[in-house]
Each structure stands twice: as C-alpha cells, then as structure tokens.
C-alpha cells in the first residue's frame, strides 16, 4: 500500500521486523508502534549541562586565596596551573595578578616564599624569593595599582601593575613575618640567660679550696648551705 504524500516515513529494522514511524506534514507526531519482537526506539536523553564541566577543582588553600583577590585579570591560567609549581606541603596564603619583567602573571605568597609565575602557552617564567632571603619589601601605589619592591640577597626585584588592595595585603603579610622572625632570630638567642653552673661541681671545688686552706671551715659551711639551697 502506498504512503500518503502528506506523510513522511522513516523505517528502522528491528530484530523481528520493521518499525515504522510516521510524521505528518503539519508537524504532529503519530504514535510509534514497534513491530513484533522489535525494541521501541526513542530519543536518548540529553546530558545535564552541569555534567559537562570538566574544569579541575582548585586545591582548598588556592581557592581560599583566589577568593581574597580583588581582580584576577591576566592570571586565570596561572591560578589553574599553580599547584604544579608548589613544593611538597607548601601552603598558599595570598595571591595577586601582576607584571614582572615582560610578562603578566600571578604573584603568590606561600608559607615558605614569594613566587611569581607566568605560565604562557609558548613560554613559562618563574621567580621565587625564599622568606629567609628577603630582607625587606616596599609597597607604593596609585589610585588603582601599585608596585611591590622586594629586597632579597642584596638584589631588588619589582612586581608592577599589582592591584592596590591585593598588593598591600601581600606587603603587610611579608612585613609581619619579617618582624616576627627578628623577634625569634639570632639576636634573641644572644640575650638569652646563660646556663647556671652545676651546684655539684661547685661543691667539689669548695671542698678542694677548704682542703687547700683557702676557705675556713665556717666559709666552707656557708657556701655549701648556699649551693644546697639551689637544688
């Protein structure tokens, strides 16, 4: 039997016969009836758009530092790649977008160092300043951005075009660490109270002095009582 010209027909071959689906010219669909032994063919459901998001999840400390940034322009790629440049067990505290040399990238303050990272498609640049090598930092800013000058190992490095709030936050954090290190550094060790002599050694010396006649029995007893009171 010939099909009507007003009807478009699509035929799918099932395991036990033909499955015919008719669609009228006016756009309304006709129910599909599978042939005997054939499986009903339908349209596969579309995947949820949220399941297509394959962006890697940032590490918790990096995500926290990212949320503190006022602007992330020019540093998005570096934020995603940062974890590949960190040392073992290194923690990220603060981040800021900035320019060092000829590249715009990411300035990172960790618990161990100050790091500048430029992860370009064709070129990659890193410069790090361990905290124990940094002697001081200087922050100068305009209305929007500023420059962080880092003095380390007798050299000066400048990271420019750093967002005002982000740069000041990093500079203040470094200054706080440097002042804390000074309070617990070698200078503090020099002012420590020297160890007291061993009382037992002093008693032995007193006995030798008494035997040599340098101390009288009364002086020996008085010194011995003083030393014993320290035990």
Protein backbone atom coordinates (compact mmCIF):
# COMPACT_ATOMS: atom_id res chain seq x y z
CA UNK A 1 0.00 0.00 0.00
CA UNK A 2 1.44 3.36 -0.99
CA UNK A 3 2.04 6.01 1.66
CA UNK A 4 0.30 9.36 1.51
CA UNK A 5 2.31 12.25 0.11
CA UNK A 6 1.41 14.21 3.23
CA UNK A 7 3.26 11.74 5.41
CA UNK A 8 6.99 11.27 5.80
CA UNK A 9 8.04 7.75 6.72
CA UNK A 10 11.20 6.52 8.50
CA UNK A 11 11.76 2.81 8.82
CA UNK A 12 14.13 1.10 11.25
CA UNK A 13 14.93 -2.56 11.05
CA UNK A 14 14.29 -4.41 14.34
CA UNK A 15 15.29 -7.91 15.31
CA UNK A 16 11.98 -9.37 14.13
CA UNK A 17 10.56 -6.98 11.55
CA UNK A 18 10.15 -3.35 10.55
CA UNK A 19 9.37 -0.50 12.91
CA UNK A 20 7.57 2.31 11.15
CA UNK A 21 7.33 5.88 12.47
CA UNK A 22 5.10 8.34 10.66
CA UNK A 23 5.31 12.10 10.96
CA UNK A 24 2.59 14.25 9.45
CA UNK A 25 3.44 17.22 7.31
CA UNK A 26 1.80 19.59 9.78
CA UNK A 27 4.38 18.63 12.42
CA UNK A 28 2.19 16.48 14.71
CA UNK A 29 3.65 13.10 15.59
CA UNK A 30 2.00 9.73 15.23
CA UNK A 31 2.47 7.12 17.97
CA UNK A 32 5.24 4.66 17.22
CA UNK A 33 4.27 1.01 17.41
CA UNK A 34 7.16 -1.46 17.42
CA UNK A 35 6.93 -4.48 15.16
CA UNK A 36 6.60 -7.85 16.78
CA UNK A 37 9.81 -8.66 18.66
CA UNK A 38 11.40 -5.27 17.97
CA UNK A 39 12.53 -2.85 20.64
CA UNK A 40 10.93 0.56 20.80
CA UNK A 41 13.30 3.24 19.59
CA UNK A 42 13.27 6.63 21.34
CA UNK A 43 15.43 9.68 21.69
CA UNK A 44 18.27 9.41 24.18
CA UNK A 45 18.01 11.97 26.97
CA UNK A 46 20.42 14.87 26.73
CA UNK A 47 23.17 15.01 29.31
CA UNK A 48 22.82 17.52 32.08
CA UNK A 49 24.88 20.59 31.20
CA UNK A 50 26.45 20.55 34.65
CA UNK A 51 27.95 17.13 33.99
CA UNK A 52 29.92 18.56 31.07
CA UNK A 53 32.01 20.81 33.32
CA UNK A 54 35.45 19.19 33.34
CA UNK A 55 37.42 22.08 34.87
CA UNK A 56 39.74 20.74 37.59
CA UNK A 57 38.79 21.71 41.11
CA UNK A 58 41.27 24.01 42.82
CA UNK A 59 43.01 22.92 46.00
CA UNK A 60 41.36 24.35 49.11
CA UNK A 61 44.15 26.80 50.03
CA UNK A 62 44.41 28.06 46.45
CA UNK A 63 40.64 28.53 46.25
CA UNK A 64 40.66 30.49 49.53
CA UNK A 65 43.47 32.76 48.30
CA UNK A 66 41.64 33.22 44.98
CA UNK A 67 38.51 34.44 46.76
CA UNK A 68 40.59 37.13 48.53
CA UNK A 69 41.80 38.59 45.22
CA UNK A 70 40.20 41.86 44.13
CA UNK A 71 40.87 41.10 40.46
CA UNK A 72 42.10 38.01 38.60
CA UNK A 73 42.57 39.58 35.15
CA UNK A 74 45.67 38.17 33.45
CA UNK A 75 46.25 35.39 35.98
CA UNK A 76 43.48 32.86 35.33
CA UNK A 77 45.73 30.31 33.62
CA UNK A 78 48.39 30.64 36.32
CA UNK A 79 45.84 30.05 39.10
CA UNK A 80 44.78 26.79 37.45
CA UNK A 81 48.40 25.66 36.96
CA UNK A 82 49.76 26.87 40.31
CA UNK A 83 49.58 23.52 42.07
CA UNK A 84 52.17 22.16 39.61
CA UNK A 85 54.74 24.74 40.78
CA UNK A 86 54.39 24.30 44.54
CA UNK A 87 56.78 22.41 46.80
CA UNK A 88 55.67 19.44 48.88
CA UNK A 89 53.37 20.53 51.74
CA UNK A 90 53.64 24.18 50.68
CA UNK A 91 50.60 26.28 51.62
CA UNK A 92 49.26 29.19 49.55
CA UNK A 93 48.23 32.20 51.64
CA UNK A 94 47.73 35.16 49.28
CA UNK A 95 47.74 35.82 45.53
CA UNK A 96 47.68 38.84 43.20
CA UNK A 97 47.90 39.49 39.48
CA UNK A 98 50.96 41.47 38.45
CA UNK A 99 53.73 42.08 35.92
CA UNK A 100 57.34 41.01 36.33
CA UNK A 101 59.78 41.59 33.50
CA UNK A 102 57.89 41.32 30.24
CA UNK A 103 55.11 39.02 31.40
CA UNK A 104 51.83 39.41 33.25
CA UNK A 105 51.16 36.55 35.63
CA UNK A 106 50.49 35.61 39.23
CA UNK A 107 52.23 36.75 42.42
CA UNK A 108 51.90 34.16 45.18
CA UNK A 109 52.77 34.35 48.88
CA UNK A 110 53.10 30.93 50.49
CA UNK A 111 54.18 29.87 53.94
CA UNK A 112 57.74 29.49 52.60
CA UNK A 113 58.36 32.03 49.84
CA UNK A 114 57.15 34.75 47.49
CA UNK A 115 56.68 33.35 44.00
CA UNK A 116 55.98 34.97 40.62
CA UNK A 117 54.58 32.65 37.99
CA UNK A 118 53.96 33.18 34.27
CA UNK A 119 52.56 30.05 32.61
CA UNK A 120 52.17 31.02 28.98
CA UNK A 121 51.33 28.76 26.07
CA UNK A 122 54.76 29.25 24.47
CA UNK A 123 56.85 30.49 27.40
CA UNK A 124 56.94 29.86 31.13
CA UNK A 125 58.66 32.03 33.75
CA UNK A 126 59.10 31.57 37.49
CA UNK A 127 60.96 33.66 40.04
CA UNK A 128 60.90 32.87 43.72
CA UNK A 129 62.15 34.62 46.84
CA UNK A 130 62.51 32.34 49.90
CA UNK A 131 61.36 34.11 53.06
CA UNK A 132 64.74 33.67 54.76
CA UNK A 133 66.38 35.56 51.87
CA UNK A 134 64.01 38.55 51.95
CA UNK A 135 65.38 41.48 53.96
CA UNK A 136 62.55 43.96 53.29
CA UNK A 137 59.71 44.92 50.95
CA UNK A 138 58.45 48.28 49.76
CA UNK A 139 54.91 48.98 48.55
CA UNK A 140 53.98 52.06 46.53
CA UNK A 141 50.62 52.52 44.84
CA UNK A 142 48.49 54.86 42.81
CA UNK A 143 44.72 55.05 42.53
CA UNK A 144 44.26 51.52 41.15
CA UNK A 145 47.52 49.58 41.12
CA UNK A 146 51.00 49.70 42.57
CA UNK A 147 54.49 48.22 42.65
CA UNK A 148 55.90 45.75 45.15
CA UNK A 149 59.69 46.05 45.52
CA UNK A 150 61.37 43.00 47.06
CA UNK A 151 64.88 43.24 48.52
CA UNK A 152 66.50 39.81 48.76
CA UNK A 153 70.12 38.63 48.85
CA UNK A 154 71.35 42.13 48.01
CA UNK A 155 69.13 42.41 44.92
CA UNK A 156 65.95 44.33 44.17
CA UNK A 157 63.02 42.96 42.18
CA UNK A 158 59.89 44.91 41.24
CA UNK A 159 56.49 43.36 40.53
CA UNK A 160 54.39 46.05 38.86
CA UNK A 161 50.72 46.61 38.00
CA UNK A 162 49.59 44.83 41.15
CA UNK A 163 46.03 45.64 42.21
CA UNK A 164 46.16 48.12 45.09
CA UNK A 165 44.35 46.07 47.74
CA UNK A 166 45.96 42.75 46.77
CA UNK A 167 49.47 44.19 46.72
CA UNK A 168 49.16 45.96 50.07
CA UNK A 169 47.81 42.78 51.64
CA UNK A 170 50.86 40.80 50.48
CA UNK A 171 53.31 43.53 51.54
CA UNK A 172 51.79 43.75 55.02
CA UNK A 173 51.89 39.97 55.42
CA UNK A 174 55.59 39.83 54.49
CA UNK A 175 56.46 42.68 56.86
CA UNK A 176 54.63 40.88 59.65
CA UNK A 177 56.64 37.72 59.06
CA UNK A 178 59.93 39.61 58.91
CA UNK A 179 59.27 41.36 62.21
CA UNK A 180 58.26 38.03 63.75
CA UNK A 181 61.46 36.37 62.52
CA UNK A 182 63.54 39.19 64.04
CA UNK A 183 62.00 38.62 67.48
CA UNK A 184 62.92 34.94 67.35
CA UNK A 185 66.16 35.15 65.38
CA UNK A 186 69.85 35.07 66.33
CA UNK A 187 69.67 38.40 68.19
CA UNK A 188 67.14 36.93 70.61
CA UNK A 189 69.40 33.96 71.23
CA UNK A 190 72.28 36.24 72.24
CA UNK A 191 70.21 37.84 75.01
CA UNK A 192 69.19 34.51 76.49
CA UNK A 193 70.10 33.86 80.13
CA UNK A 194 73.34 31.86 80.27
CA UNK A 195 73.29 28.41 81.82
CA UNK A 196 73.96 28.33 85.59
CA UNK A 197 76.98 26.33 86.82
CA UNK A 198 76.34 22.84 88.16
CA UNK A 199 75.93 23.07 92.01
CA UNK A 200 77.56 19.67 92.46
CA UNK A 201 80.67 20.80 90.60
CA UNK A 202 80.80 23.92 92.73
CA UNK A 203 80.56 21.83 95.92
CA UNK A 204 83.50 19.73 94.78
CA UNK A 205 85.53 22.88 94.14
CA UNK A 206 84.62 24.23 97.58
CA UNK A 207 85.89 21.03 99.13
CA UNK A 208 89.17 21.40 97.27
CA UNK A 209 89.51 25.02 98.43
CA UNK A 210 88.86 24.04 102.05
CA UNK A 211 91.42 21.21 101.84
CA UNK A 212 93.93 23.66 100.40
CA UNK A 213 93.32 26.05 103.28
CA UNK A 214 91.87 28.76 101.06
CA UNK A 215 88.50 28.60 102.85
CA UNK A 216 87.98 28.38 106.57
CA UNK A 217 85.55 25.72 107.85
CA UNK A 218 82.99 28.46 108.54
CA UNK A 219 83.26 29.88 105.00
CA UNK A 220 83.01 26.40 103.56
CA UNK A 221 79.82 25.63 105.50
CA UNK A 222 78.23 28.94 104.50
CA UNK A 223 78.98 28.41 100.78
CA UNK A 224 77.84 24.82 100.96
CA UNK A 225 74.50 25.86 102.50
CA UNK A 226 74.02 28.45 99.73
CA UNK A 227 74.66 25.91 96.97
CA UNK A 228 72.43 23.28 98.55
CA UNK A 229 69.55 25.77 98.66
CA UNK A 230 69.63 25.90 94.84
CA UNK A 231 69.00 22.19 94.44
